[in-house]
């Protein structure tokens, strides 16, 4: 029998999550395996230089390690797809460059020659039963660390309900689950983790806040492995993972989409809030690493875009890190500058301040990332409209966090296959999920656009 413990204040919502769980169709993780190859000495000078950096990087930490990794990424980005694939396949198991090369392949949507090299992972702890045919192998006793009180409690509620919807919808063996309140503080997260470890849990999901995650990762080697629900400032400790809906992930996804469209010179229009600026920073970093550039970053209050459009080299595409209400005002100005026909990609904030088709028609054609569940539906969850009618935490802005919580359960249940197979992935509620060689869950979102003023899933949303 599964056990769930937490504060009484949260108990009633579980009944709704359980009701949704009864409607679930059952999720799945699709995987395939490939063999390893014999090591070969590369004669490519770019690969040789990247390999030397990768070997030296093992001794680096902090900012120096990050800078070293960015330089490796820049070097590998200069390789065409065929060369990158060939060179990655030639690297022996354990070669420090392999995870970087495989990461580059993953970002381009290319197959990996073999699984990432990993250390510190132990899926046989706590007497877990063997994996089932589809890779399902959840923990035996699971702790979920969430801020049930404090400033982050409102955000935590839909994450919790999405997690429980996935949990209750799984008809096979499920772990005993205990919830621990972190209060949304680093100290609270550390105390909750220590208590979870003391009480015999063999896996931990959470914490949720960025500062909480940083505090936990700063411990170094962790007694009980963790799937953190946010990115830290550094990579997760070996044998641990992190999953996030961060602005950085949206910026990276937008960069990859623009690169796939052939854009090399991108004009950015952005607001000033932290979320928007973080998306811009990650977009710029990814574009530069792949040989493209941000021509300018214009403020959302810019009145004349003609000087930006007429710069030497021109503009191939426009990236919008603004809310929909601001984007509506920007579209006529971009059109006057001759940029209306350029590819336009935005963050998910484009949906904020929209909802009136007559006004939103001006946004037609702008691509923006969305959750697969809310736009296309996914196996394992009822349609978003039905779920929202039964549970407040599954509708409106909360739907995104509900989908995130559902995927957190899926990752927990299928983590071994994500970590140990070359093409392990989950077709999740927030997008297609894969685990990179550094413990970060990489999310390829679905993409939508506005058509006649209404959000509409793009036909190529799931191509990558």
Protein backbone atom coordinates (compact mmCIF):
# COMPACT_ATOMS: atom_id res chain seq x y z
CA UNK A 1 0.00 0.00 0.00
CA UNK A 2 1.26 3.46 -0.85
CA UNK A 3 1.52 6.04 1.89
CA UNK A 4 1.22 9.81 1.49
CA UNK A 5 1.88 12.20 4.34
CA UNK A 6 1.77 15.99 4.56
CA UNK A 7 -0.02 18.79 6.35
CA UNK A 8 -3.81 18.71 6.74
CA UNK A 9 -4.12 21.96 4.80
CA UNK A 10 -3.17 20.17 1.57
CA UNK A 11 -5.06 16.94 2.12
CA UNK A 12 -8.37 17.81 0.45
CA UNK A 13 -6.76 18.70 -2.87
CA UNK A 14 -5.39 15.18 -3.16
CA UNK A 15 -8.90 13.86 -3.64
CA UNK A 16 -9.24 15.96 -6.81
CA UNK A 17 -5.83 14.84 -8.02
CA UNK A 18 -6.79 11.23 -7.38
CA UNK A 19 -10.00 11.71 -9.36
CA UNK A 20 -7.99 13.04 -12.26
CA UNK A 21 -5.61 10.12 -11.88
CA UNK A 22 -8.47 7.71 -12.48
CA UNK A 23 -8.96 9.34 -15.89
CA UNK A 24 -5.36 8.93 -16.95
CA UNK A 25 -4.46 6.78 -19.90
CA UNK A 26 -0.97 5.96 -18.64
CA UNK A 27 2.23 7.74 -19.67
CA UNK A 28 5.10 6.22 -21.53
CA UNK A 29 8.79 6.78 -22.09
CA UNK A 30 10.07 5.78 -25.50
CA UNK A 31 13.67 4.63 -25.66
CA UNK A 32 16.12 2.89 -27.96
CA UNK A 33 19.68 1.73 -27.38
CA UNK A 34 22.75 1.69 -29.56
CA UNK A 35 26.15 0.15 -29.05
CA UNK A 36 29.41 1.89 -28.29
CA UNK A 37 32.23 2.31 -30.77
CA UNK A 38 35.96 1.83 -30.65
CA UNK A 39 38.06 4.88 -29.83
CA UNK A 40 39.74 6.64 -32.72
CA UNK A 41 42.33 9.41 -32.71
CA UNK A 42 40.81 12.52 -34.27
CA UNK A 43 42.78 14.45 -36.86
CA UNK A 44 40.35 17.34 -36.74
CA UNK A 45 42.17 20.28 -35.06
CA UNK A 46 38.93 21.74 -33.70
CA UNK A 47 38.02 18.47 -32.03
CA UNK A 48 41.55 18.06 -30.71
CA UNK A 49 41.42 21.52 -29.12
CA UNK A 50 37.98 20.83 -27.62
CA UNK A 51 39.25 17.51 -26.26
CA UNK A 52 42.17 19.18 -24.52
CA UNK A 53 39.82 21.69 -22.91
CA UNK A 54 37.52 18.89 -21.79
CA UNK A 55 40.39 17.00 -20.16
CA UNK A 56 41.64 20.11 -18.39
CA UNK A 57 38.12 21.10 -17.36
CA UNK A 58 37.84 18.23 -14.90
CA UNK A 59 40.02 20.20 -12.47
CA UNK A 60 38.06 23.45 -12.80
CA UNK A 61 35.13 24.71 -10.76
CA UNK A 62 32.73 27.64 -10.65
CA UNK A 63 33.08 30.42 -13.22
CA UNK A 64 36.27 28.95 -14.68
CA UNK A 65 34.51 25.66 -15.37
CA UNK A 66 31.56 27.46 -16.96
CA UNK A 67 33.83 29.50 -19.21
CA UNK A 68 35.72 26.36 -20.23
CA UNK A 69 32.47 24.59 -21.09
CA UNK A 70 31.30 27.55 -23.18
CA UNK A 71 34.52 27.47 -25.19
CA UNK A 72 34.10 23.74 -25.84
CA UNK A 73 30.54 24.44 -26.99
CA UNK A 74 31.78 27.21 -29.29
CA UNK A 75 34.36 24.93 -30.88
CA UNK A 76 31.94 22.07 -31.42
CA UNK A 77 29.35 24.44 -32.87
CA UNK A 78 31.70 25.08 -35.79
CA UNK A 79 31.37 21.45 -36.91
CA UNK A 80 28.73 20.45 -39.42
CA UNK A 81 26.26 17.74 -38.43
CA UNK A 82 28.04 14.91 -40.22
CA UNK A 83 31.43 15.78 -38.72
CA UNK A 84 30.02 16.21 -35.23
CA UNK A 85 28.22 12.86 -35.43
CA UNK A 86 31.30 11.07 -36.74
CA UNK A 87 33.65 12.58 -34.16
CA UNK A 88 31.26 11.83 -31.28
CA UNK A 89 30.98 8.21 -32.37
CA UNK A 90 34.77 7.86 -32.40
CA UNK A 91 35.20 8.87 -28.75
CA UNK A 92 35.81 6.03 -26.31
CA UNK A 93 33.65 5.48 -23.24
CA UNK A 94 34.84 7.79 -20.51
CA UNK A 95 36.44 10.34 -22.83
CA UNK A 96 35.81 13.75 -21.19
CA UNK A 97 34.80 15.24 -24.53
CA UNK A 98 32.01 12.76 -25.21
CA UNK A 99 29.36 14.33 -22.99
CA UNK A 100 30.02 17.73 -24.58
CA UNK A 101 29.79 16.29 -28.09
CA UNK A 102 26.65 14.34 -27.24
CA UNK A 103 25.18 17.50 -25.72
CA UNK A 104 25.77 19.32 -29.01
CA UNK A 105 24.08 16.48 -30.90
CA UNK A 106 21.13 16.57 -28.51
CA UNK A 107 20.64 20.31 -29.03
CA UNK A 108 20.58 19.84 -32.80
CA UNK A 109 18.04 17.04 -32.55
CA UNK A 110 20.55 14.48 -33.83
CA UNK A 111 20.80 10.88 -32.56
CA UNK A 112 23.46 9.97 -30.02
CA UNK A 113 25.86 7.14 -30.91
CA UNK A 114 25.56 5.84 -27.33
CA UNK A 115 24.28 6.97 -23.97
CA UNK A 116 25.96 9.76 -22.04
CA UNK A 117 28.84 8.75 -19.79
CA UNK A 118 27.66 9.01 -16.19
CA UNK A 119 29.08 8.55 -12.70
CA UNK A 120 27.43 8.46 -9.31
CA UNK A 121 24.15 6.89 -10.39
CA UNK A 122 22.80 3.90 -8.47
CA UNK A 123 19.35 2.68 -9.38
CA UNK A 124 19.64 -0.62 -7.50
CA UNK A 125 19.63 1.02 -4.07
CA UNK A 126 16.86 0.35 -1.57
CA UNK A 127 15.94 -2.92 -3.22
CA UNK A 128 14.04 -1.44 -6.15
CA UNK A 129 12.23 -4.08 -8.20
CA UNK A 130 13.55 -4.55 -11.72
CA UNK A 131 12.43 -2.16 -14.43
CA UNK A 132 9.38 -3.07 -16.45
CA UNK A 133 9.44 -3.51 -20.23
CA UNK A 134 8.95 0.20 -20.92
CA UNK A 135 11.58 1.29 -18.40
CA UNK A 136 9.18 2.09 -15.56
CA UNK A 137 11.19 1.81 -12.32
CA UNK A 138 10.08 4.25 -9.63
CA UNK A 139 11.70 4.54 -6.19
CA UNK A 140 10.56 2.49 -3.22
CA UNK A 141 10.12 5.37 -0.78
CA UNK A 142 9.87 8.87 -2.19
CA UNK A 143 10.16 12.30 -0.55
CA UNK A 144 8.75 15.41 -2.20
CA UNK A 145 10.19 18.70 -0.94
CA UNK A 146 7.88 21.63 -1.66
CA UNK A 147 7.19 25.02 -0.03
CA UNK A 148 3.81 24.26 1.51
CA UNK A 149 4.12 27.55 3.40
CA UNK A 150 5.87 30.83 2.61
CA UNK A 151 6.03 32.97 -0.52
CA UNK A 152 6.32 30.05 -2.93
CA UNK A 153 3.32 28.10 -1.61
CA UNK A 154 0.98 29.39 -4.33
CA UNK A 155 3.32 28.18 -7.08
CA UNK A 156 3.89 24.87 -5.30
CA UNK A 157 0.21 23.91 -5.15
CA UNK A 158 -0.30 23.19 -8.89
CA UNK A 159 3.09 21.44 -9.03
CA UNK A 160 1.94 19.18 -6.20
CA UNK A 161 -1.42 18.48 -7.85
CA UNK A 162 0.14 17.67 -11.22
CA UNK A 163 2.57 15.31 -9.51
CA UNK A 164 -0.26 13.56 -7.67
CA UNK A 165 -2.36 13.30 -10.83
CA UNK A 166 0.44 11.37 -12.49
CA UNK A 167 1.07 9.33 -9.37
CA UNK A 168 -2.55 8.29 -8.88
CA UNK A 169 -2.96 7.59 -12.58
CA UNK A 170 -0.25 4.92 -12.57
CA UNK A 171 -1.83 1.48 -12.05
CA UNK A 172 1.47 -0.29 -11.40
CA UNK A 173 3.61 -0.33 -8.28
CA UNK A 174 4.01 3.12 -6.81
CA UNK A 175 6.35 4.31 -4.06
CA UNK A 176 5.26 5.43 -0.63
CA UNK A 177 5.29 9.24 -0.82
CA UNK A 178 5.90 11.76 1.96
CA UNK A 179 5.70 15.53 1.50
CA UNK A 180 8.08 17.82 3.39
CA UNK A 181 7.59 21.56 3.80
CA UNK A 182 10.65 23.64 2.87
CA UNK A 183 8.93 26.99 3.65
CA UNK A 184 10.57 28.32 0.50
CA UNK A 185 13.91 29.06 2.20
CA UNK A 186 17.40 27.56 1.81
CA UNK A 187 17.47 26.60 5.47
CA UNK A 188 14.06 25.02 5.21
CA UNK A 189 15.11 23.02 2.16
CA UNK A 190 18.24 21.69 3.89
CA UNK A 191 16.28 20.73 7.00
CA UNK A 192 13.58 19.01 4.92
CA UNK A 193 16.20 17.09 2.93
CA UNK A 194 18.03 15.94 6.05
CA UNK A 195 14.76 14.77 7.58
CA UNK A 196 13.81 12.92 4.38
CA UNK A 197 17.17 11.15 4.36
CA UNK A 198 16.87 10.26 8.05
CA UNK A 199 13.42 8.76 7.49
CA UNK A 200 14.69 6.29 4.90
CA UNK A 201 13.55 7.77 1.58
CA UNK A 202 15.58 6.48 -1.35
CA UNK A 203 14.79 9.38 -3.72
CA UNK A 204 13.90 13.05 -3.34
CA UNK A 205 11.92 15.29 -5.69
CA UNK A 206 12.47 19.00 -5.08
CA UNK A 207 13.09 21.55 -3.74
CA UNK A 208 11.37 24.15 -5.92
CA UNK A 209 13.04 27.53 -5.32
CA UNK A 210 16.31 28.45 -7.03
CA UNK A 211 17.96 29.49 -3.76
CA UNK A 212 16.77 26.24 -2.19
CA UNK A 213 18.35 24.22 -5.00
CA UNK A 214 21.63 26.13 -4.73
CA UNK A 215 21.77 25.43 -1.01
CA UNK A 216 21.15 21.72 -1.52
CA UNK A 217 23.63 21.35 -4.39
CA UNK A 218 26.26 23.17 -2.33
CA UNK A 219 26.32 20.12 -0.04
CA UNK A 220 28.20 18.31 -2.82
CA UNK A 221 27.71 14.55 -2.69
CA UNK A 222 24.14 13.89 -1.57
CA UNK A 223 23.19 10.92 0.60
CA UNK A 224 19.87 10.46 -1.20
CA UNK A 225 19.67 11.27 -4.94
CA UNK A 226 17.60 14.26 -6.01
CA UNK A 227 15.50 15.49 -8.90
CA UNK A 228 15.54 19.23 -8.16
CA UNK A 229 12.65 21.25 -9.53
CA UNK A 230 14.75 24.21 -10.57
CA UNK A 231 18.17 24.97 -12.02
CA UNK A 232 21.00 25.84 -9.68
CA UNK A 233 23.86 28.17 -10.50
CA UNK A 234 26.01 25.12 -11.24
CA UNK A 235 25.45 21.60 -12.50
CA UNK A 236 23.80 19.03 -10.21
CA UNK A 237 26.21 16.87 -8.22
CA UNK A 238 27.02 13.55 -9.91
CA UNK A 239 24.13 11.12 -9.70
CA UNK A 240 21.50 13.86 -9.34
CA UNK A 241 19.29 15.76 -11.79
CA UNK A 242 17.39 19.00 -12.17
CA UNK A 243 14.24 19.87 -14.10
CA UNK A 244 13.02 23.39 -14.71
CA UNK A 245 10.71 25.66 -16.68
CA UNK A 246 13.32 28.39 -16.47
CA UNK A 247 13.60 31.44 -18.74
CA UNK A 248 17.03 30.16 -19.74
CA UNK A 249 15.45 27.03 -21.19
CA UNK A 250 13.04 29.13 -23.24
CA UNK A 251 15.89 31.28 -24.52
CA UNK A 252 17.83 28.19 -25.55
CA UNK A 253 14.80 26.65 -27.25
CA UNK A 254 14.14 29.88 -29.13
CA UNK A 255 17.77 30.03 -30.25
CA UNK A 256 17.62 26.48 -31.59
CA UNK A 257 14.41 27.25 -33.45
CA UNK A 258 15.91 30.37 -35.02
CA UNK A 259 19.05 28.49 -36.00
CA UNK A 260 16.91 25.77 -37.59
CA UNK A 261 15.24 28.51 -39.63
CA UNK A 262 18.66 29.64 -40.87
CA UNK A 263 18.78 32.89 -38.88
CA UNK A 264 22.28 34.20 -38.28
CA UNK A 265 21.53 37.80 -37.31
CA UNK A 266 18.76 38.23 -34.74
CA UNK A 267 17.26 41.47 -33.47
CA UNK A 268 16.02 41.17 -29.88
CA UNK A 269 13.21 43.27 -28.43
CA UNK A 270 12.90 42.80 -24.68
CA UNK A 271 11.35 44.10 -21.52
CA UNK A 272 13.31 44.84 -18.39
CA UNK A 273 12.07 42.26 -15.89
CA UNK A 274 14.38 39.51 -14.68
CA UNK A 275 12.56 36.71 -16.50
CA UNK A 276 12.80 38.49 -19.84
CA UNK A 277 16.45 39.42 -19.39
CA UNK A 278 17.42 35.87 -18.42
CA UNK A 279 15.77 34.53 -21.58
CA UNK A 280 17.66 37.07 -23.68
CA UNK A 281 20.99 36.23 -22.04
CA UNK A 282 20.61 32.49 -22.72
CA UNK A 283 19.44 33.13 -26.29
CA UNK A 284 22.48 35.31 -26.97
CA UNK A 285 24.86 32.79 -25.46
CA UNK A 286 23.45 29.91 -27.49
CA UNK A 287 23.41 31.90 -30.75
CA UNK A 288 27.00 33.03 -30.31
CA UNK A 289 28.12 29.49 -29.51
CA UNK A 290 26.53 28.33 -32.76
CA UNK A 291 28.08 31.04 -34.92
CA UNK A 292 25.13 33.45 -35.01
CA UNK A 293 24.76 36.84 -33.36
CA UNK A 294 22.34 39.22 -31.69
CA UNK A 295 22.55 42.42 -33.71
CA UNK A 296 20.91 44.63 -31.06
CA UNK A 297 18.75 44.42 -27.95
CA UNK A 298 16.04 47.07 -28.26
CA UNK A 299 13.72 48.01 -25.44
CA UNK A 300 10.02 47.30 -25.70
CA UNK A 301 9.39 51.06 -25.69
CA UNK A 302 11.42 51.65 -28.86
CA UNK A 303 9.47 53.80 -31.32
CA UNK A 304 11.57 53.41 -34.49
CA UNK A 305 13.17 50.15 -35.59
CA UNK A 306 14.39 51.38 -38.97
CA UNK A 307 17.96 52.04 -37.71
CA UNK A 308 18.17 48.49 -36.41
CA UNK A 309 16.82 47.00 -39.64
CA UNK A 310 19.19 49.02 -41.84
CA UNK A 311 22.42 48.09 -40.08
CA UNK A 312 25.09 46.51 -42.25
CA UNK A 313 24.32 42.83 -42.64
CA UNK A 314 20.62 43.35 -41.96
CA UNK A 315 18.35 41.29 -39.71
CA UNK A 316 17.32 37.68 -40.38
CA UNK A 317 14.80 37.27 -37.56
CA UNK A 318 13.29 38.95 -34.50
CA UNK A 319 13.14 37.57 -30.96
CA UNK A 320 10.51 39.02 -28.62
CA UNK A 321 10.92 38.75 -24.85
CA UNK A 322 7.82 40.78 -24.06
CA UNK A 323 4.23 40.23 -22.97
CA UNK A 324 1.45 40.05 -25.53
CA UNK A 325 0.12 43.47 -24.58
CA UNK A 326 3.49 45.02 -25.48
CA UNK A 327 3.91 42.87 -28.59
CA UNK A 328 0.64 44.21 -30.02
CA UNK A 329 2.09 47.73 -29.90
CA UNK A 330 5.39 46.62 -31.40
CA UNK A 331 4.06 44.85 -34.49
CA UNK A 332 3.15 48.00 -36.50
CA UNK A 333 6.54 49.52 -35.67
CA UNK A 334 8.38 46.40 -36.84
CA UNK A 335 6.28 46.40 -40.02
CA UNK A 336 7.26 50.01 -40.77
CA UNK A 337 10.90 48.94 -40.51
CA UNK A 338 10.35 46.15 -43.04
CA UNK A 339 10.65 43.38 -40.46
CA UNK A 340 7.09 42.04 -40.59
CA UNK A 341 8.07 39.31 -43.04
CA UNK A 342 11.02 38.08 -40.97
CA UNK A 343 10.68 35.01 -38.74
CA UNK A 344 9.48 36.13 -35.31
CA UNK A 345 9.93 33.99 -32.22
CA UNK A 346 8.85 34.91 -28.70
CA UNK A 347 8.91 33.54 -25.18
CA UNK A 348 5.81 32.04 -23.57
CA UNK A 349 5.14 35.47 -22.04
CA UNK A 350 3.58 36.37 -25.38
CA UNK A 351 0.36 34.82 -24.08
CA UNK A 352 0.25 37.23 -21.14
CA UNK A 353 -2.24 40.02 -21.74
CA UNK A 354 -3.95 38.31 -24.67
CA UNK A 355 -7.36 36.71 -25.05
CA UNK A 356 -9.28 39.00 -27.39
CA UNK A 357 -9.02 37.65 -30.91
CA UNK A 358 -9.80 40.95 -32.63
CA UNK A 359 -6.92 42.64 -30.83
CA UNK A 360 -4.56 39.67 -31.04
CA UNK A 361 -4.73 39.26 -34.82
CA UNK A 362 -1.69 41.51 -35.06
CA UNK A 363 0.29 38.72 -33.37
CA UNK A 364 -0.49 36.20 -36.12
CA UNK A 365 2.60 34.31 -37.25
CA UNK A 366 4.73 34.75 -34.12
CA UNK A 367 6.00 31.40 -32.84
CA UNK A 368 6.19 30.86 -29.09
CA UNK A 369 6.85 27.82 -26.85
CA UNK A 370 3.93 26.13 -25.14
CA UNK A 371 3.16 23.05 -23.09
CA UNK A 372 2.20 20.04 -25.18
CA UNK A 373 -0.65 19.16 -22.82
CA UNK A 374 -2.48 22.49 -23.09
CA UNK A 375 -2.20 22.74 -26.88
CA UNK A 376 -2.19 19.19 -28.21
CA UNK A 377 -2.94 16.85 -25.33
CA UNK A 378 -0.73 14.02 -24.07
CA UNK A 379 -1.26 10.39 -23.16
CA UNK A 380 -1.53 10.14 -19.40
CA UNK A 381 -3.63 13.24 -18.74
CA UNK A 382 -7.21 14.15 -19.59
CA UNK A 383 -7.60 17.19 -21.87
CA UNK A 384 -6.60 20.44 -20.20
CA UNK A 385 -10.16 21.79 -20.38
CA UNK A 386 -11.54 18.78 -18.51
CA UNK A 387 -8.80 18.82 -15.88
CA UNK A 388 -9.32 22.55 -15.38
CA UNK A 389 -13.03 22.08 -14.84
CA UNK A 390 -12.30 19.69 -11.97
CA UNK A 391 -9.32 21.36 -10.34
CA UNK A 392 -8.52 25.06 -10.08
CA UNK A 393 -4.81 24.33 -9.99
CA UNK A 394 -5.02 22.81 -13.49
CA UNK A 395 -6.38 25.83 -15.35
CA UNK A 396 -5.27 29.29 -16.37
CA UNK A 397 -1.66 30.24 -15.58
CA UNK A 398 -1.48 27.37 -13.09
CA UNK A 399 -1.88 24.81 -15.90
CA UNK A 400 1.78 25.21 -16.82
CA UNK A 401 2.92 24.32 -13.30
CA UNK A 402 0.41 21.47 -13.14
CA UNK A 403 1.97 20.02 -16.30
CA UNK A 404 5.41 20.55 -14.79
CA UNK A 405 4.43 18.57 -11.70
CA UNK A 406 3.03 15.76 -13.84
CA UNK A 407 6.32 15.56 -15.73
CA UNK A 408 8.27 15.53 -12.47
CA UNK A 409 6.49 12.28 -11.59
CA UNK A 410 7.18 10.86 -15.06
CA UNK A 411 10.88 11.68 -14.80
CA UNK A 412 11.04 10.10 -11.36
CA UNK A 413 9.46 6.89 -12.64
CA UNK A 414 11.57 6.63 -15.81
CA UNK A 415 14.81 8.26 -14.69
CA UNK A 416 16.95 5.14 -15.11
CA UNK A 417 16.12 4.80 -18.79
CA UNK A 418 16.55 8.51 -19.35
CA UNK A 419 19.99 8.26 -17.79
CA UNK A 420 21.26 5.03 -19.32
CA UNK A 421 20.00 4.80 -22.91
CA UNK A 422 21.02 6.73 -26.00
CA UNK A 423 17.52 7.82 -26.97
CA UNK A 424 15.68 7.73 -23.67
CA UNK A 425 12.98 10.36 -23.68
CA UNK A 426 9.54 11.15 -22.32
CA UNK A 427 6.79 12.67 -24.40
CA UNK A 428 5.74 14.81 -21.49
CA UNK A 429 3.09 17.38 -20.69
CA UNK A 430 5.58 20.24 -20.98
CA UNK A 431 7.40 18.91 -24.06
CA UNK A 432 9.83 16.19 -25.03
CA UNK A 433 12.17 15.51 -22.12
CA UNK A 434 15.71 14.12 -22.23
CA UNK A 435 18.50 13.97 -19.67
CA UNK A 436 21.80 15.49 -20.77
CA UNK A 437 25.24 14.35 -19.67
CA UNK A 438 25.41 16.86 -16.83
CA UNK A 439 22.19 15.94 -15.01
CA UNK A 440 19.90 18.56 -16.54
CA UNK A 441 16.55 17.56 -18.01
CA UNK A 442 16.44 19.16 -21.46
CA UNK A 443 12.96 20.16 -22.61
CA UNK A 444 12.03 20.56 -26.27
CA UNK A 445 8.73 22.46 -26.07
CA UNK A 446 5.85 22.36 -28.45
CA UNK A 447 5.41 25.51 -30.48
CA UNK A 448 2.32 27.54 -31.17
CA UNK A 449 1.43 30.70 -33.01
CA UNK A 450 -1.51 33.05 -33.32
CA UNK A 451 -3.88 32.45 -36.21
CA UNK A 452 -6.75 34.90 -36.68
CA UNK A 453 -5.94 36.11 -33.19
CA UNK A 454 -6.23 32.67 -31.54
CA UNK A 455 -3.36 30.54 -30.15
CA UNK A 456 -2.89 27.58 -32.49
CA UNK A 457 -0.45 24.67 -32.32
CA UNK A 458 2.12 24.73 -35.11
CA UNK A 459 2.13 21.75 -37.41
CA UNK A 460 5.85 21.21 -36.80
CA UNK A 461 5.56 21.52 -33.03
CA UNK A 462 6.86 18.03 -32.31
CA UNK A 463 9.36 17.59 -35.11
CA UNK A 464 12.37 17.82 -32.82
